[in-house]
Amino acid sequence: MKRRVVLGDVPQWVHIAGARRDLPVMLFLHGGPGTPETPFLHEYIPRLTEEVVLVSWEQRGAGRSFSSLIPPESMTIEQFVQDTIELSEYLRRFFDVEKIYLAGHSWGTVLGVHAVHRRPDDFHGYIAIAQTVHGVREEEITYRRVLDQARAAGHRRAVRQLERIGPPVEGAYRRQSHLGTKLKWVRYFGGGPFHGAKGIMPLVRTVMRSPLYTFRDKINYPRGETFALRHMLDEVRELDLFREVRKVEVPVYFFHGRHDNQVPPEVAVEYFDYLDAPRKRFFLFEESAHGVLFEEPERFIRILREEFLLQEAKR
């Protein structure tokens, strides 16, 4: 079921799916900015809807929620956090529940950790998938690691291109196209989105063949990605959760791929140790890169059910 919701004066869309109405409600915050994951959830981890009523939100300016009328000045982290809180309130009323679960992936974890920090009474707990923490440090680690991989593999073209763009300075490259060059080789060497893939074609094919999207939705998908990155990349690069969120009052569960070279796991581990929470667990996925819930879906679901949903239901 898809549903239109107005958040922060901007119409946005959610897709709601669940095997039963009485299952726990989970709001899923996609990555990007500007990269909805509704088709990927449907394609790679359909059994998740046997455990929760899954609400996949297409954030302002992204996917089905793309519109050229969205004010560019509203594309800020603060506005997206406010949208998250407003949507959470709407879902609690819509499903007539006191609390919901909140899950974020990559960029979505930035919104997730801020939302549970501000409104802990609205949420049973927080699931962080590839928790994004510190824009500058993550970018520096990513560049250094992919260059080391290229040199170790003797891949002269990759080494040449990466050395040409040079390392980021305070998380930024000299040109926007240089970020694309780095991402191309991160993907080639298995750092994301899938460890077993050398590019993003599996995801592109998933979007293009998705039965959940109309032809117009598929056309708007890349337009939304471009729009979000154009207006938000600088602010995302300046992210520093060590400074912004020290403590949350809900249980937190971190899921991270060992091979993730889009959001390096060592920064997430450091933040996990730093974060004060009533209960917290960290799960490292040995066969995954950036998309653990899509790469190892059965293990993700099992941990979610046995270690989180069932345990929190007992409390």
Protein backbone atom coordinates (compact mmCIF):
# COMPACT_ATOMS: atom_id res chain seq x y z
CA MET A 1 0.00 0.00 0.00
CA LYS A 2 1.36 3.41 -0.90
CA ARG A 3 0.24 6.51 0.95
CA ARG A 4 0.76 10.23 0.48
CA VAL A 5 1.75 12.20 3.60
CA VAL A 6 2.51 15.91 3.91
CA LEU A 7 5.65 16.49 5.99
CA GLY A 8 7.05 19.97 6.54
CA ASP A 9 4.58 21.30 3.96
CA VAL A 10 5.93 18.97 1.25
CA PRO A 11 3.92 15.97 -0.05
CA GLN A 12 5.90 12.75 0.36
CA TRP A 13 5.20 9.05 -0.12
CA VAL A 14 5.46 5.93 1.97
CA HIS A 15 5.05 2.28 1.01
CA ILE A 16 3.51 0.11 3.75
CA ALA A 17 3.82 -3.69 3.71
CA GLY A 18 3.21 -6.29 6.42
CA ALA A 19 1.94 -9.86 6.66
CA ARG A 20 -0.32 -8.89 9.58
CA ARG A 21 -1.61 -5.63 10.97
CA ASP A 22 -0.66 -6.60 14.56
CA LEU A 23 3.09 -6.85 13.81
CA PRO A 24 5.45 -4.20 15.23
CA VAL A 25 5.70 -1.10 13.03
CA MET A 26 9.13 -0.19 11.65
CA LEU A 27 9.90 3.04 9.81
CA PHE A 28 12.81 2.57 7.39
CA LEU A 29 15.01 5.57 6.53
CA HIS A 30 16.76 5.09 3.21
CA GLY A 31 20.27 6.04 2.16
CA GLY A 32 21.65 8.64 -0.17
CA PRO A 33 20.70 11.41 0.31
CA GLY A 34 18.20 10.86 -2.45
CA THR A 35 18.32 7.08 -2.84
CA PRO A 36 15.01 5.38 -1.88
CA GLU A 37 15.30 1.67 -1.12
CA THR A 38 11.68 0.59 -1.54
CA PRO A 39 12.48 -1.56 -4.62
CA PHE A 40 15.51 -3.13 -2.90
CA LEU A 41 13.55 -4.04 0.22
CA HIS A 42 10.91 -5.68 -1.98
CA GLU A 43 13.49 -7.54 -4.11
CA TYR A 44 16.17 -8.64 -1.66
CA ILE A 45 14.53 -8.99 1.74
CA PRO A 46 10.77 -9.60 1.22
CA ARG A 47 10.53 -11.79 4.35
CA LEU A 48 11.15 -8.75 6.52
CA THR A 49 7.42 -8.02 6.22
CA GLU A 50 6.73 -11.28 8.08
CA GLU A 51 8.42 -9.76 11.14
CA VAL A 52 7.31 -6.12 10.98
CA VAL A 53 4.91 -3.79 9.26
CA LEU A 54 7.55 -2.12 7.11
CA VAL A 55 7.11 1.53 6.23
CA SER A 56 9.52 2.54 3.49
CA TRP A 57 9.58 6.33 3.26
CA GLU A 58 10.69 8.10 0.09
CA GLN A 59 12.17 11.26 1.57
CA ARG A 60 11.58 14.77 0.26
CA GLY A 61 13.04 15.18 -3.19
CA ALA A 62 13.73 11.46 -3.62
CA GLY A 63 12.11 8.83 -5.86
CA ARG A 64 8.34 9.02 -5.79
CA SER A 65 8.62 12.14 -3.60
CA PHE A 66 10.66 14.06 -6.17
CA SER A 67 9.26 17.37 -7.33
CA SER A 68 10.90 20.34 -8.99
CA LEU A 69 8.77 22.54 -6.72
CA ILE A 70 10.58 21.51 -3.52
CA PRO A 71 12.41 24.58 -2.13
CA PRO A 72 16.17 23.89 -2.31
CA GLU A 73 16.63 25.72 1.01
CA SER A 74 14.52 23.02 2.68
CA MET A 75 17.09 20.35 1.78
CA THR A 76 18.89 20.36 5.12
CA ILE A 77 19.63 17.73 7.75
CA GLU A 78 17.53 19.64 10.26
CA GLN A 79 14.47 19.63 7.97
CA PHE A 80 14.87 15.91 7.26
CA VAL A 81 15.07 15.16 10.98
CA GLN A 82 11.90 17.18 11.51
CA ASP A 83 10.24 15.25 8.67
CA THR A 84 11.29 11.98 10.35
CA ILE A 85 9.76 13.00 13.66
CA GLU A 86 6.57 14.25 11.99
CA LEU A 87 6.21 11.00 10.04
CA SER A 88 6.80 8.95 13.20
CA GLU A 89 3.98 10.84 14.93
CA TYR A 90 1.72 10.21 11.93
CA LEU A 91 2.46 6.47 11.95
CA ARG A 92 1.81 6.16 15.67
CA ARG A 93 -1.64 7.70 15.12
CA PHE A 94 -2.32 5.76 11.93
CA PHE A 95 -1.53 2.38 13.52
CA ASP A 96 -2.79 3.40 16.97
CA VAL A 97 0.43 2.38 18.72
CA GLU A 98 2.40 4.08 21.45
CA LYS A 99 5.81 3.49 19.87
CA ILE A 100 7.40 2.28 16.65
CA TYR A 101 10.82 0.91 15.67
CA LEU A 102 13.18 3.10 13.68
CA ALA A 103 15.73 1.71 11.21
CA GLY A 104 18.16 3.68 9.08
CA HIS A 105 20.60 2.72 6.35
CA SER A 106 23.69 4.79 5.57
CA TRP A 107 22.49 8.41 5.17
CA GLY A 108 19.26 7.34 6.89
CA THR A 109 21.24 6.61 10.07
CA VAL A 110 22.05 10.32 10.35
CA LEU A 111 18.33 11.07 10.61
CA GLY A 112 17.69 8.03 12.80
CA VAL A 113 20.17 8.80 15.54
CA HIS A 114 19.02 12.43 15.74
CA ALA A 115 15.34 11.42 15.85
CA VAL A 116 15.74 8.92 18.70
CA HIS A 117 17.98 11.38 20.53
CA ARG A 118 15.27 14.05 20.45
CA ARG A 119 12.17 11.89 20.83
CA PRO A 120 13.05 8.68 22.71
CA ASP A 121 9.49 8.17 23.96
CA ASP A 122 8.30 7.68 20.37
CA PHE A 123 10.48 4.64 19.66
CA HIS A 124 10.98 1.09 20.96
CA GLY A 125 14.53 1.15 19.63
CA TYR A 126 16.87 2.09 16.82
CA ILE A 127 18.46 -0.16 14.18
CA ALA A 128 21.53 1.39 12.53
CA ILE A 129 22.65 -0.23 9.27
CA ALA A 130 26.02 1.16 8.12
CA GLN A 131 25.93 3.98 10.67
CA THR A 132 27.34 7.16 9.16
CA VAL A 133 29.30 9.15 11.74
CA HIS A 134 32.00 11.57 10.55
CA GLY A 135 32.07 12.81 6.96
CA VAL A 136 35.70 13.89 6.83
CA ARG A 137 37.23 10.84 8.50
CA GLU A 138 35.11 8.38 6.54
CA GLU A 139 36.07 9.98 3.23
CA GLU A 140 39.77 9.96 4.09
CA ILE A 141 39.70 6.27 5.08
CA THR A 142 37.71 5.32 1.98
CA TYR A 143 40.13 7.00 -0.42
CA ARG A 144 43.23 5.58 1.25
CA ARG A 145 41.78 2.06 1.35
CA VAL A 146 40.62 1.92 -2.26
CA LEU A 147 43.99 3.25 -3.45
CA ASP A 148 45.75 0.54 -1.43
CA GLN A 149 43.45 -2.08 -2.96
CA ALA A 150 44.17 -0.82 -6.47
CA ARG A 151 47.91 -0.93 -5.89
CA ALA A 152 47.76 -4.41 -4.34
CA ALA A 153 45.77 -5.68 -7.33
CA GLY A 154 48.20 -4.09 -9.80
CA HIS A 155 45.29 -2.29 -11.44
CA ARG A 156 47.20 0.49 -13.18
CA ARG A 157 44.17 2.37 -14.51
CA ALA A 158 42.56 2.52 -11.07
CA VAL A 159 45.82 3.67 -9.47
CA ARG A 160 46.33 6.30 -12.15
CA GLN A 161 42.82 7.73 -11.82
CA LEU A 162 42.85 7.74 -8.01
CA GLU A 163 46.27 9.38 -7.85
CA ARG A 164 45.12 11.96 -10.39
CA ILE A 165 42.16 13.10 -8.27
CA GLY A 166 44.28 13.03 -5.11
CA PRO A 167 43.13 12.52 -1.52
CA PRO A 168 40.24 14.59 -0.17
CA VAL A 169 41.02 17.75 1.78
CA GLU A 170 38.68 18.10 4.76
CA GLY A 171 36.50 15.48 3.13
CA ALA A 172 36.19 17.31 -0.21
CA TYR A 173 37.69 16.70 -3.64
CA ARG A 174 38.70 19.45 -6.03
CA ARG A 175 35.80 18.60 -8.35
CA GLN A 176 32.45 16.90 -7.89
CA SER A 177 33.35 14.42 -10.63
CA HIS A 178 36.30 13.23 -8.51
CA LEU A 179 33.89 11.83 -5.94
CA GLY A 180 32.31 9.79 -8.71
CA THR A 181 35.72 8.47 -9.74
CA LYS A 182 36.48 7.35 -6.20
CA LEU A 183 33.05 5.69 -5.85
CA LYS A 184 33.53 3.84 -9.14
CA TRP A 185 36.65 2.13 -7.81
CA VAL A 186 35.20 1.56 -4.35
CA ARG A 187 32.44 -0.43 -6.06
CA TYR A 188 34.85 -2.21 -8.40
CA PHE A 189 36.91 -3.53 -5.50
CA GLY A 190 33.84 -4.76 -3.60
CA GLY A 191 33.40 -1.98 -1.06
CA GLY A 192 29.80 -1.24 -1.90
CA PRO A 193 26.96 -1.56 -2.43
CA PHE A 194 27.50 -5.33 -2.69
CA HIS A 195 30.75 -7.05 -1.85
CA GLY A 196 30.29 -9.52 -4.68
CA ALA A 197 29.49 -6.92 -7.36
CA LYS A 198 31.79 -4.54 -9.23
CA GLY A 199 29.25 -1.80 -9.77
CA ILE A 200 25.70 -0.63 -9.18
CA MET A 201 24.01 -2.38 -12.12
CA PRO A 202 22.18 -4.87 -9.86
CA LEU A 203 20.53 -1.93 -8.11
CA VAL A 204 19.79 -0.10 -11.36
CA ARG A 205 18.10 -3.21 -12.75
CA THR A 206 16.09 -3.60 -9.54
CA VAL A 207 14.73 -0.05 -9.82
CA MET A 208 13.94 -0.37 -13.52
CA ARG A 209 12.01 -3.63 -13.18
CA SER A 210 10.31 -2.86 -9.87
CA PRO A 211 6.54 -3.48 -9.92
CA LEU A 212 6.20 -0.89 -7.15
CA TYR A 213 7.26 1.99 -9.41
CA THR A 214 5.49 3.58 -12.34
CA PHE A 215 7.44 4.63 -15.42
CA ARG A 216 7.40 8.19 -14.08
CA ASP A 217 8.79 7.05 -10.73
CA LYS A 218 11.67 5.32 -12.51
CA ILE A 219 12.46 8.45 -14.50
CA ASN A 220 12.37 10.59 -11.36
CA TYR A 221 14.66 8.27 -9.40
CA PRO A 222 17.99 9.60 -10.77
CA ARG A 223 16.59 13.14 -10.85
CA GLY A 224 15.98 12.92 -7.12
CA GLU A 225 19.49 11.61 -6.44
CA THR A 226 21.03 14.49 -8.38
CA PHE A 227 18.78 17.04 -6.69
CA ALA A 228 19.56 15.82 -3.16
CA LEU A 229 23.31 15.58 -3.65
CA ARG A 230 23.51 19.00 -5.29
CA HIS A 231 21.94 20.68 -2.26
CA MET A 232 23.09 18.49 0.63
CA LEU A 233 26.56 17.10 -0.06
CA ASP A 234 28.44 19.89 1.71
CA GLU A 235 26.38 19.59 4.89
CA VAL A 236 26.67 15.79 4.93
CA ARG A 237 30.43 16.10 4.51
CA GLU A 238 30.59 18.22 7.68
CA LEU A 239 28.73 15.63 9.77
CA ASP A 240 30.30 14.80 13.15
CA LEU A 241 28.11 12.68 15.42
CA PHE A 242 30.83 12.58 18.07
CA ARG A 243 30.04 16.24 18.58
CA GLU A 244 26.28 16.09 17.93
CA VAL A 245 24.89 12.99 19.72
CA ARG A 246 26.59 11.55 22.78
CA LYS A 247 23.63 9.77 24.38
CA VAL A 248 20.31 8.19 23.41
CA GLU A 249 17.67 6.72 25.70
CA VAL A 250 16.54 3.79 23.53
CA PRO A 251 18.18 0.44 22.73
CA VAL A 252 20.45 0.61 19.67
CA TYR A 253 21.59 -2.21 17.41
CA PHE A 254 24.35 -1.62 14.87
CA PHE A 255 24.67 -3.77 11.71
CA HIS A 256 27.76 -3.28 9.55
CA GLY A 257 29.53 -5.06 6.70
CA ARG A 258 33.19 -5.89 7.20
CA HIS A 259 33.98 -4.94 3.60
CA ASP A 260 32.05 -1.66 3.61
CA ASN A 261 34.20 1.02 2.00
CA GLN A 262 31.45 3.57 1.61
CA VAL A 263 30.98 3.88 5.37
CA PRO A 264 34.12 2.28 6.90
CA PRO A 265 33.23 0.02 9.86
CA GLU A 266 36.05 1.21 12.13
CA VAL A 267 34.47 4.67 12.52
CA ALA A 268 31.09 3.08 13.29
CA VAL A 269 32.73 0.81 15.91
CA GLU A 270 34.38 3.81 17.56
CA TYR A 271 31.06 5.67 17.66
CA PHE A 272 29.28 2.60 19.00
CA ASP A 273 31.76 2.47 21.91
CA TYR A 274 31.33 6.22 22.44
CA LEU A 275 27.52 6.25 22.35
CA ASP A 276 25.73 5.97 25.69
CA ALA A 277 22.55 3.87 25.41
CA PRO A 278 20.54 1.69 27.81
CA ARG A 279 21.25 -1.39 25.66
CA LYS A 280 23.40 -1.74 22.59
CA ARG A 281 24.80 -4.49 20.36
CA PHE A 282 27.13 -4.43 17.34
CA PHE A 283 26.88 -7.10 14.62
CA LEU A 284 29.59 -7.39 11.97
CA PHE A 285 28.62 -9.15 8.73
CA GLU A 286 31.65 -10.96 7.32
CA GLU A 287 30.36 -11.44 3.76
CA SER A 288 28.90 -7.97 3.24
CA ALA A 289 29.93 -4.50 2.20
CA HIS A 290 27.53 -1.56 2.41
CA GLY A 291 24.18 -3.36 2.15
CA VAL A 292 24.11 -6.03 4.85
CA LEU A 293 20.33 -6.41 4.87
CA PHE A 294 20.39 -7.07 1.10
CA GLU A 295 23.58 -9.17 1.04
CA GLU A 296 22.87 -11.40 4.05
CA PRO A 297 19.10 -11.02 4.50
CA GLU A 298 18.46 -14.25 6.40
CA ARG A 299 21.05 -13.48 9.06
CA PHE A 300 19.79 -9.90 9.29
CA ILE A 301 16.20 -11.07 9.86
CA ARG A 302 17.23 -13.72 12.38
CA ILE A 303 19.21 -11.26 14.48
CA LEU A 304 16.46 -8.66 14.22
CA ARG A 305 13.85 -11.15 15.39
CA GLU A 306 15.77 -13.07 18.08
CA GLU A 307 18.08 -10.40 19.48
CA PHE A 308 15.90 -7.33 19.16
CA LEU A 309 12.17 -7.72 18.51
CA LEU A 310 11.61 -10.67 20.82
CA GLN A 311 13.86 -9.29 23.56
CA GLU A 312 12.25 -5.86 23.51
CA ALA A 313 8.77 -7.46 23.56
CA LYS A 314 9.64 -9.12 26.88
CA ARG A 315 10.54 -5.83 28.57
